[in-house]
Amino acid sequence: MRRTVRLRLTLLYSGLFLAAGMLLVALIYLLVAFSPVPVAPVGPVAPGGPEVTVPRVDVAYLAEQQAAGLRRLLVNSVIALVVMAFASVLLGRLTAGRVLRPLHDMTATVRRITADRLDRRLAASGPQDELKELADTFDDLLDRLEAAFTAQRRFVANASHELRTPLTLQRAMAEVALADPDADAAALRHVLDRLLAAGRHQEQLIEALLTLARSQQGLEHRRPLDLAAVAGQALDQRPDSAVRIEAALRPAPASGDRALLERLVANLLDNAARHNVPDGWITVATGVRDGRATLTVANSGPVIPPDRIGTLLQPFQRLDSGRKAVGDGLGLGLSIVAAVVRAHQGTLEVVARPEGGLEVTVRCPTAAGTPPG
């Protein structure tokens, strides 16, 4: 027999009722068995009064009658208990079925939900009880799953497009060079240089995709580090540019994956330098604020609509979608930053400056035992 929840609840209700009934029968039997048998009292005879003849009480007969009464009481109680036990099984099954009916409806709805039909919801109605709370929690889970599946499909489509474009360009350049019978060594060298540039672009894109995937998996190990040291190393490794960089690096002890945090700082600096204006500036600051290690990167640049900030944190999103040169950004910089911050259980705040540019603030948990500054 399949042990369903309904069967278990029925057996539980019936078992509890049977145990309570047996306890009640035993209690009644003991109370009756140990109750004193009433016997007519014999009082003193008044002087000169008439003699009163009191019949002799047969104690053995009374004991036999009491025992017979107890047996009848026990038999009748057991019969009543058996009848009520069957009634409790029937009532328990009906009650369990009524209580579990919403669960059956939920199960039927969940079975119709697939990866291609995540728009279905339980939408349970009724009182705000445990079953309603379970249905609402499952609906919230479905909302998150639908958003994750949608983002994944969009990411795969964008990644396929981004990888297909340079491959098509490389193939076209090679075919044109091979089809030209008058191509000399200089022309072929120029084509090879363009092919190498496109290959480097693909390499950067694949590396960025791997970093993004690694960040989304979370951290396996955490090690103590200083955001100030990570930012200083990233600044030392940057090539000279026309953008002025000012740094105010105060100690910001944290814990996490140093390679991912180095990529985070490098992406923020690359994004700030790429989306800037001639003779622009970048400021980098680290420290401990409100008990958390903080990194702030601000830059001058074109005015960005505040409603575009959320879009920029998604993969393959650019302010100017028409720019497709090899030297342009991959559209993954800020999305990798957001993924790294989530992996470190930190917070990311991106603010569009009214005069132009962005101000990005990253906050991560400080290393254990570090007093807030």
Protein backbone atom coordinates (compact mmCIF):
# COMPACT_ATOMS: atom_id res chain seq x y z
CA MET A 1 0.00 0.00 0.00
CA ARG A 2 1.28 3.42 -0.93
CA ARG A 3 1.89 5.48 2.22
CA THR A 4 0.45 8.83 1.19
CA VAL A 5 0.18 11.87 3.41
CA ARG A 6 -3.57 11.35 3.57
CA LEU A 7 -3.10 7.78 4.85
CA ARG A 8 -0.56 8.88 7.41
CA LEU A 9 -2.81 11.66 8.67
CA THR A 10 -5.77 9.25 8.86
CA LEU A 11 -3.73 6.74 10.85
CA LEU A 12 -2.44 9.52 13.10
CA TYR A 13 -5.93 10.88 13.83
CA SER A 14 -7.34 7.38 14.41
CA GLY A 15 -4.40 6.33 16.57
CA LEU A 16 -4.69 9.41 18.76
CA PHE A 17 -8.46 8.90 19.11
CA LEU A 18 -8.01 5.20 19.93
CA ALA A 19 -5.33 5.94 22.55
CA ALA A 20 -7.50 8.64 24.14
CA GLY A 21 -10.53 6.28 24.13
CA MET A 22 -8.59 3.45 25.73
CA LEU A 23 -7.32 5.81 28.39
CA LEU A 24 -10.87 7.04 29.03
CA VAL A 25 -12.24 3.46 29.33
CA ALA A 26 -9.43 2.48 31.70
CA LEU A 27 -10.03 5.56 33.84
CA ILE A 28 -13.78 4.91 34.08
CA TYR A 29 -13.15 1.25 34.90
CA LEU A 30 -10.73 2.13 37.70
CA LEU A 31 -13.04 4.77 39.14
CA VAL A 32 -15.97 2.38 39.23
CA ALA A 33 -13.88 -0.56 40.49
CA PHE A 34 -12.48 1.31 43.45
CA SER A 35 -15.65 3.17 44.37
CA PRO A 36 -16.97 2.05 47.83
CA VAL A 37 -20.14 -0.08 47.86
CA PRO A 38 -22.91 1.69 49.85
CA VAL A 39 -24.16 -0.34 52.83
CA ALA A 40 -27.11 0.64 55.02
CA PRO A 41 -25.76 1.98 58.32
CA VAL A 42 -26.79 0.47 61.64
CA GLY A 43 -27.35 3.17 64.31
CA PRO A 44 -27.68 2.78 68.16
CA VAL A 45 -31.00 1.64 69.59
CA ALA A 46 -32.71 4.15 71.89
CA PRO A 47 -33.44 2.95 75.52
CA GLY A 48 -36.93 1.56 75.84
CA GLY A 49 -37.46 1.79 72.11
CA PRO A 50 -38.60 -0.98 69.87
CA GLU A 51 -36.05 -3.43 68.69
CA VAL A 52 -35.15 -2.99 65.06
CA THR A 53 -34.14 -6.01 63.07
CA VAL A 54 -31.49 -5.14 60.49
CA PRO A 55 -31.10 -7.66 57.68
CA ARG A 56 -27.67 -9.16 57.44
CA VAL A 57 -25.74 -7.87 54.41
CA ASP A 58 -24.29 -10.54 52.12
CA VAL A 59 -20.90 -9.05 51.27
CA ALA A 60 -20.00 -11.85 48.87
CA TYR A 61 -23.18 -11.31 46.89
CA LEU A 62 -22.51 -7.58 46.61
CA ALA A 63 -18.95 -8.21 45.45
CA GLU A 64 -20.22 -10.61 42.80
CA GLN A 65 -22.80 -8.09 41.59
CA GLN A 66 -20.16 -5.36 41.45
CA ALA A 67 -17.80 -7.59 39.43
CA ALA A 68 -20.61 -8.43 37.00
CA GLY A 69 -21.41 -4.74 36.61
CA LEU A 70 -17.76 -3.96 35.94
CA ARG A 71 -17.61 -6.67 33.26
CA ARG A 72 -20.72 -5.31 31.55
CA LEU A 73 -19.29 -1.79 31.75
CA LEU A 74 -15.99 -2.94 30.26
CA VAL A 75 -17.64 -4.91 27.44
CA ASN A 76 -20.00 -2.07 26.56
CA SER A 77 -17.13 0.45 26.65
CA VAL A 78 -14.97 -1.69 24.37
CA ILE A 79 -17.85 -2.12 21.90
CA ALA A 80 -18.47 1.63 21.91
CA LEU A 81 -14.72 2.24 21.50
CA VAL A 82 -14.53 -0.09 18.48
CA VAL A 83 -17.51 1.62 16.84
CA MET A 84 -16.03 5.05 17.47
CA ALA A 85 -12.62 3.88 16.18
CA PHE A 86 -14.17 2.98 12.81
CA ALA A 87 -16.00 6.30 12.84
CA SER A 88 -12.73 8.13 13.62
CA VAL A 89 -11.02 6.41 10.66
CA LEU A 90 -13.78 7.54 8.31
CA LEU A 91 -13.87 11.08 9.71
CA GLY A 92 -10.07 11.26 9.73
CA ARG A 93 -9.90 10.25 6.07
CA LEU A 94 -12.52 12.82 5.09
CA THR A 95 -10.82 15.54 7.13
CA ALA A 96 -7.37 14.71 5.75
CA GLY A 97 -8.72 14.76 2.20
CA ARG A 98 -10.31 18.15 2.74
CA VAL A 99 -7.15 19.57 4.30
CA LEU A 100 -4.89 18.17 1.56
CA ARG A 101 -7.13 19.15 -1.36
CA PRO A 102 -5.19 22.41 -1.99
CA LEU A 103 -1.98 20.36 -2.11
CA HIS A 104 -3.45 18.12 -4.81
CA ASP A 105 -4.37 21.22 -6.83
CA MET A 106 -0.83 22.58 -6.39
CA THR A 107 0.66 19.25 -7.48
CA ALA A 108 -1.47 19.18 -10.64
CA THR A 109 -0.42 22.75 -11.50
CA VAL A 110 3.27 22.09 -10.83
CA ARG A 111 3.20 19.04 -13.12
CA ARG A 112 2.06 21.29 -15.97
CA ILE A 113 4.97 23.69 -15.42
CA THR A 114 7.96 23.11 -17.68
CA ALA A 115 11.05 25.09 -18.65
CA ASP A 116 9.10 26.44 -21.64
CA ARG A 117 5.98 27.31 -19.62
CA LEU A 118 7.27 29.06 -16.54
CA ASP A 119 4.49 31.64 -16.74
CA ARG A 120 2.06 29.40 -14.82
CA ARG A 121 1.46 30.20 -11.16
CA LEU A 122 -0.34 28.46 -8.30
CA ALA A 123 -2.18 31.67 -7.32
CA ALA A 124 -3.64 30.02 -4.22
CA SER A 125 -6.62 31.69 -2.59
CA GLY A 126 -8.12 31.30 0.84
CA PRO A 127 -7.00 32.12 4.36
CA GLN A 128 -3.43 33.10 5.04
CA ASP A 129 -2.41 29.72 6.45
CA GLU A 130 0.61 27.44 5.97
CA LEU A 131 -0.64 26.14 2.60
CA LYS A 132 -1.20 29.67 1.29
CA GLU A 133 2.28 30.64 2.46
CA LEU A 134 3.74 27.57 0.71
CA ALA A 135 1.96 28.45 -2.55
CA ASP A 136 3.12 32.07 -2.39
CA THR A 137 6.69 30.97 -1.71
CA PHE A 138 6.57 28.62 -4.71
CA ASP A 139 5.19 31.42 -6.90
CA ASP A 140 8.08 33.65 -5.83
CA LEU A 141 10.49 30.85 -6.73
CA LEU A 142 8.87 30.54 -10.16
CA ASP A 143 9.23 34.31 -10.67
CA ARG A 144 12.96 34.07 -9.97
CA LEU A 145 13.34 30.99 -12.17
CA GLU A 146 11.50 32.65 -15.05
CA ALA A 147 13.69 35.73 -14.77
CA ALA A 148 16.82 33.56 -14.63
CA PHE A 149 15.77 31.48 -17.67
CA THR A 150 14.91 34.61 -19.62
CA ALA A 151 18.24 36.21 -18.76
CA GLN A 152 20.06 33.00 -19.69
CA ARG A 153 18.36 32.76 -23.08
CA ARG A 154 19.09 36.41 -23.77
CA PHE A 155 22.70 35.95 -22.66
CA VAL A 156 23.21 32.90 -24.92
CA ALA A 157 21.67 34.73 -27.88
CA ASN A 158 23.85 37.81 -27.31
CA ALA A 159 26.99 35.72 -26.78
CA SER A 160 26.31 33.79 -29.98
CA HIS A 161 25.89 37.05 -31.88
CA GLU A 162 29.03 38.58 -30.40
CA LEU A 163 31.10 35.50 -31.25
CA ARG A 164 29.60 35.04 -34.72
CA THR A 165 30.30 38.63 -35.83
CA PRO A 166 34.14 38.51 -35.62
CA LEU A 167 34.17 35.00 -37.07
CA THR A 168 32.18 36.20 -40.06
CA LEU A 169 34.50 39.19 -40.39
CA GLN A 170 37.59 36.97 -40.30
CA ARG A 171 36.18 34.63 -42.90
CA ALA A 172 35.23 37.50 -45.20
CA MET A 173 38.68 39.08 -44.95
CA ALA A 174 40.40 35.77 -45.67
CA GLU A 175 38.13 35.01 -48.64
CA VAL A 176 38.67 38.49 -50.13
CA ALA A 177 42.45 38.19 -49.76
CA LEU A 178 42.50 34.73 -51.34
CA ALA A 179 40.24 35.81 -54.21
CA ASP A 180 42.50 38.72 -55.14
CA PRO A 181 45.07 37.43 -57.66
CA ASP A 182 47.04 40.68 -57.47
CA ALA A 183 47.43 40.65 -53.70
CA ASP A 184 51.03 41.31 -52.71
CA ALA A 185 52.85 40.64 -49.47
CA ALA A 186 51.92 44.03 -47.99
CA ALA A 187 48.21 43.47 -48.64
CA LEU A 188 48.34 39.97 -47.16
CA ARG A 189 50.26 41.27 -44.13
CA HIS A 190 47.57 43.91 -43.62
CA VAL A 191 44.87 41.22 -43.73
CA LEU A 192 46.80 39.07 -41.27
CA ASP A 193 47.11 42.04 -38.88
CA ARG A 194 43.33 42.53 -39.03
CA LEU A 195 42.79 38.81 -38.46
CA LEU A 196 45.05 38.90 -35.40
CA ALA A 197 43.17 41.93 -34.04
CA ALA A 198 39.87 40.14 -34.49
CA GLY A 199 41.35 37.05 -32.80
CA ARG A 200 42.47 39.14 -29.82
CA HIS A 201 38.98 40.57 -29.59
CA GLN A 202 37.51 37.05 -29.50
CA GLU A 203 40.06 36.00 -26.89
CA GLN A 204 39.08 38.92 -24.67
CA LEU A 205 35.40 38.12 -25.13
CA ILE A 206 35.86 34.45 -24.22
CA GLU A 207 37.96 35.38 -21.18
CA ALA A 208 35.27 37.84 -20.08
CA LEU A 209 32.57 35.19 -20.50
CA LEU A 210 34.58 32.72 -18.42
CA THR A 211 35.08 35.34 -15.71
CA LEU A 212 31.37 36.10 -15.70
CA ALA A 213 30.48 32.41 -15.41
CA ARG A 214 33.02 31.92 -12.63
CA SER A 215 31.64 34.90 -10.71
CA GLN A 216 28.06 33.64 -10.96
CA GLN A 217 29.04 30.31 -9.37
CA GLY A 218 30.01 31.99 -6.11
CA LEU A 219 33.22 31.74 -4.08
CA GLU A 220 34.75 28.46 -2.95
CA HIS A 221 37.53 30.01 -0.87
CA ARG A 222 37.99 33.39 0.78
CA ARG A 223 41.33 34.90 1.70
CA PRO A 224 42.16 38.14 3.50
CA LEU A 225 43.14 41.01 1.23
CA ASP A 226 43.19 44.80 1.02
CA LEU A 227 41.11 46.58 -1.61
CA ALA A 228 43.61 49.46 -1.47
CA ALA A 229 46.43 47.13 -2.53
CA VAL A 230 44.29 45.59 -5.29
CA ALA A 231 43.34 49.03 -6.61
CA GLY A 232 46.95 50.28 -6.40
CA GLN A 233 48.21 47.30 -8.39
CA ALA A 234 45.54 47.86 -11.06
CA LEU A 235 46.52 51.53 -11.33
CA ASP A 236 50.23 50.65 -11.68
CA GLN A 237 49.46 48.24 -14.53
CA ARG A 238 47.40 50.72 -16.53
CA PRO A 239 49.02 52.25 -19.63
CA ASP A 240 49.38 56.00 -19.89
CA SER A 241 46.32 57.78 -21.24
CA ALA A 242 44.95 61.27 -21.71
CA VAL A 243 42.56 60.73 -18.79
CA ARG A 244 43.80 62.13 -15.49
CA ILE A 245 43.59 59.64 -12.60
CA GLU A 246 43.54 60.70 -8.95
CA ALA A 247 43.73 58.07 -6.21
CA ALA A 248 43.01 58.26 -2.48
CA LEU A 249 43.72 54.75 -1.26
CA ARG A 250 43.11 54.14 2.43
CA PRO A 251 43.31 50.64 3.93
CA ALA A 252 40.18 48.59 3.16
CA PRO A 253 40.73 45.07 4.53
CA ALA A 254 38.30 42.50 3.14
CA SER A 255 38.15 38.81 2.29
CA GLY A 256 37.47 37.14 -1.03
CA ASP A 257 38.97 36.03 -4.32
CA ARG A 258 41.84 38.32 -5.25
CA ALA A 259 41.76 37.44 -8.97
CA LEU A 260 38.07 38.31 -9.26
CA LEU A 261 38.50 41.56 -7.34
CA GLU A 262 41.44 42.49 -9.55
CA ARG A 263 39.23 41.96 -12.58
CA LEU A 264 36.51 44.06 -10.92
CA VAL A 265 38.86 47.02 -10.41
CA ALA A 266 40.31 46.67 -13.92
CA ASN A 267 36.83 46.63 -15.46
CA LEU A 268 35.78 49.72 -13.54
CA LEU A 269 38.91 51.58 -14.64
CA ASP A 270 38.54 50.43 -18.26
CA ASN A 271 34.88 51.45 -18.30
CA ALA A 272 35.68 54.84 -16.76
CA ALA A 273 38.47 55.49 -19.28
CA ARG A 274 36.57 54.26 -22.34
CA HIS A 275 33.37 56.19 -21.64
CA ASN A 276 35.00 59.52 -20.87
CA VAL A 277 35.60 62.85 -22.57
CA PRO A 278 38.84 64.41 -23.83
CA ASP A 279 40.91 65.76 -20.94
CA GLY A 280 38.59 63.90 -18.57
CA TRP A 281 39.36 62.56 -15.12
CA ILE A 282 38.95 59.44 -12.97
CA THR A 283 39.01 59.26 -9.16
CA VAL A 284 39.64 56.06 -7.22
CA ALA A 285 39.09 55.89 -3.46
CA THR A 286 39.17 53.03 -0.94
CA GLY A 287 38.47 52.83 2.77
CA VAL A 288 36.15 51.37 5.39
CA ARG A 289 32.70 52.90 5.61
CA ASP A 290 29.88 51.72 7.87
CA GLY A 291 31.88 48.63 8.76
CA ARG A 292 32.42 47.52 5.13
CA ALA A 293 35.40 47.73 2.81
CA THR A 294 34.53 50.32 0.17
CA LEU A 295 35.84 51.04 -3.32
CA THR A 296 34.58 54.10 -5.24
CA VAL A 297 35.43 54.84 -8.87
CA ALA A 298 34.04 58.05 -10.40
CA ASN A 299 34.69 59.53 -13.82
CA SER A 300 33.72 62.39 -16.05
CA GLY A 301 31.98 61.63 -19.31
CA PRO A 302 28.79 62.07 -21.28
CA VAL A 303 25.50 62.47 -19.47
CA ILE A 304 23.87 59.08 -18.88
CA PRO A 305 20.09 58.82 -18.37
CA PRO A 306 19.43 57.44 -14.86
CA ASP A 307 16.93 54.94 -16.25
CA ARG A 308 19.73 53.30 -18.28
CA ILE A 309 21.78 52.33 -15.23
CA GLY A 310 19.96 49.02 -14.69
CA THR A 311 20.40 48.15 -18.36
CA LEU A 312 24.15 48.77 -18.25
CA LEU A 313 24.51 46.09 -15.57
CA GLN A 314 23.18 43.45 -17.97
CA PRO A 315 25.54 41.54 -20.32
CA PHE A 316 26.17 42.94 -23.82
CA GLN A 317 24.49 46.26 -23.12
CA ARG A 318 26.13 49.45 -24.43
CA LEU A 319 25.07 53.07 -24.38
CA ASP A 320 25.79 53.38 -28.09
CA SER A 321 24.70 50.14 -29.74
CA GLY A 322 25.89 51.38 -33.11
CA ARG A 323 29.56 51.26 -32.23
CA LYS A 324 30.89 47.88 -33.27
CA ALA A 325 34.58 48.52 -33.87
CA VAL A 326 37.05 45.97 -32.54
CA GLY A 327 38.46 48.40 -30.05
CA ASP A 328 35.12 49.10 -28.44
CA GLY A 329 33.99 47.55 -25.20
CA LEU A 330 32.59 44.05 -25.03
CA GLY A 331 29.46 45.09 -23.16
CA LEU A 332 30.45 42.83 -20.25
CA GLY A 333 32.43 45.16 -17.99
CA LEU A 334 29.74 46.27 -15.55
CA SER A 335 27.90 42.94 -15.69
CA ILE A 336 31.10 41.21 -14.54
CA VAL A 337 31.46 43.82 -11.79
CA ALA A 338 27.91 43.11 -10.62
CA ALA A 339 28.52 39.34 -10.69
CA VAL A 340 31.77 39.64 -8.69
CA VAL A 341 30.05 41.84 -6.09
CA ARG A 342 27.23 39.30 -5.70
CA ALA A 343 29.77 36.48 -5.34
CA HIS A 344 31.43 38.40 -2.48
CA GLN A 345 28.02 39.11 -0.85
CA GLY A 346 28.62 42.81 -1.24
CA THR A 347 26.58 45.70 -2.56
CA LEU A 348 26.94 47.68 -5.78
CA GLU A 349 25.72 51.25 -6.22
CA VAL A 350 25.91 52.90 -9.64
CA VAL A 351 24.89 56.55 -9.86
CA ALA A 352 24.72 58.69 -12.99
CA ARG A 353 26.37 62.03 -12.22
CA PRO A 354 24.20 65.01 -13.29
CA GLU A 355 27.21 66.69 -14.97
CA GLY A 356 28.14 63.50 -16.81
CA GLY A 357 29.87 60.20 -16.10
CA LEU A 358 29.30 57.57 -13.45
CA GLU A 359 30.07 57.03 -9.80
CA VAL A 360 30.37 53.34 -8.89
CA THR A 361 30.61 52.26 -5.24
CA VAL A 362 31.43 48.68 -4.23
CA ARG A 363 31.07 47.56 -0.62
CA CYS A 364 32.34 44.20 0.60
CA PRO A 365 32.39 42.62 4.08
CA THR A 366 35.54 43.52 5.97
CA ALA A 367 38.00 40.88 7.09
CA ALA A 368 37.24 39.27 10.45
CA GLY A 369 38.43 41.28 13.39
CA THR A 370 38.87 44.54 11.51
CA PRO A 371 37.46 47.54 13.39
CA PRO A 372 35.40 49.90 11.25
CA GLY A 373 37.08 53.16 10.33
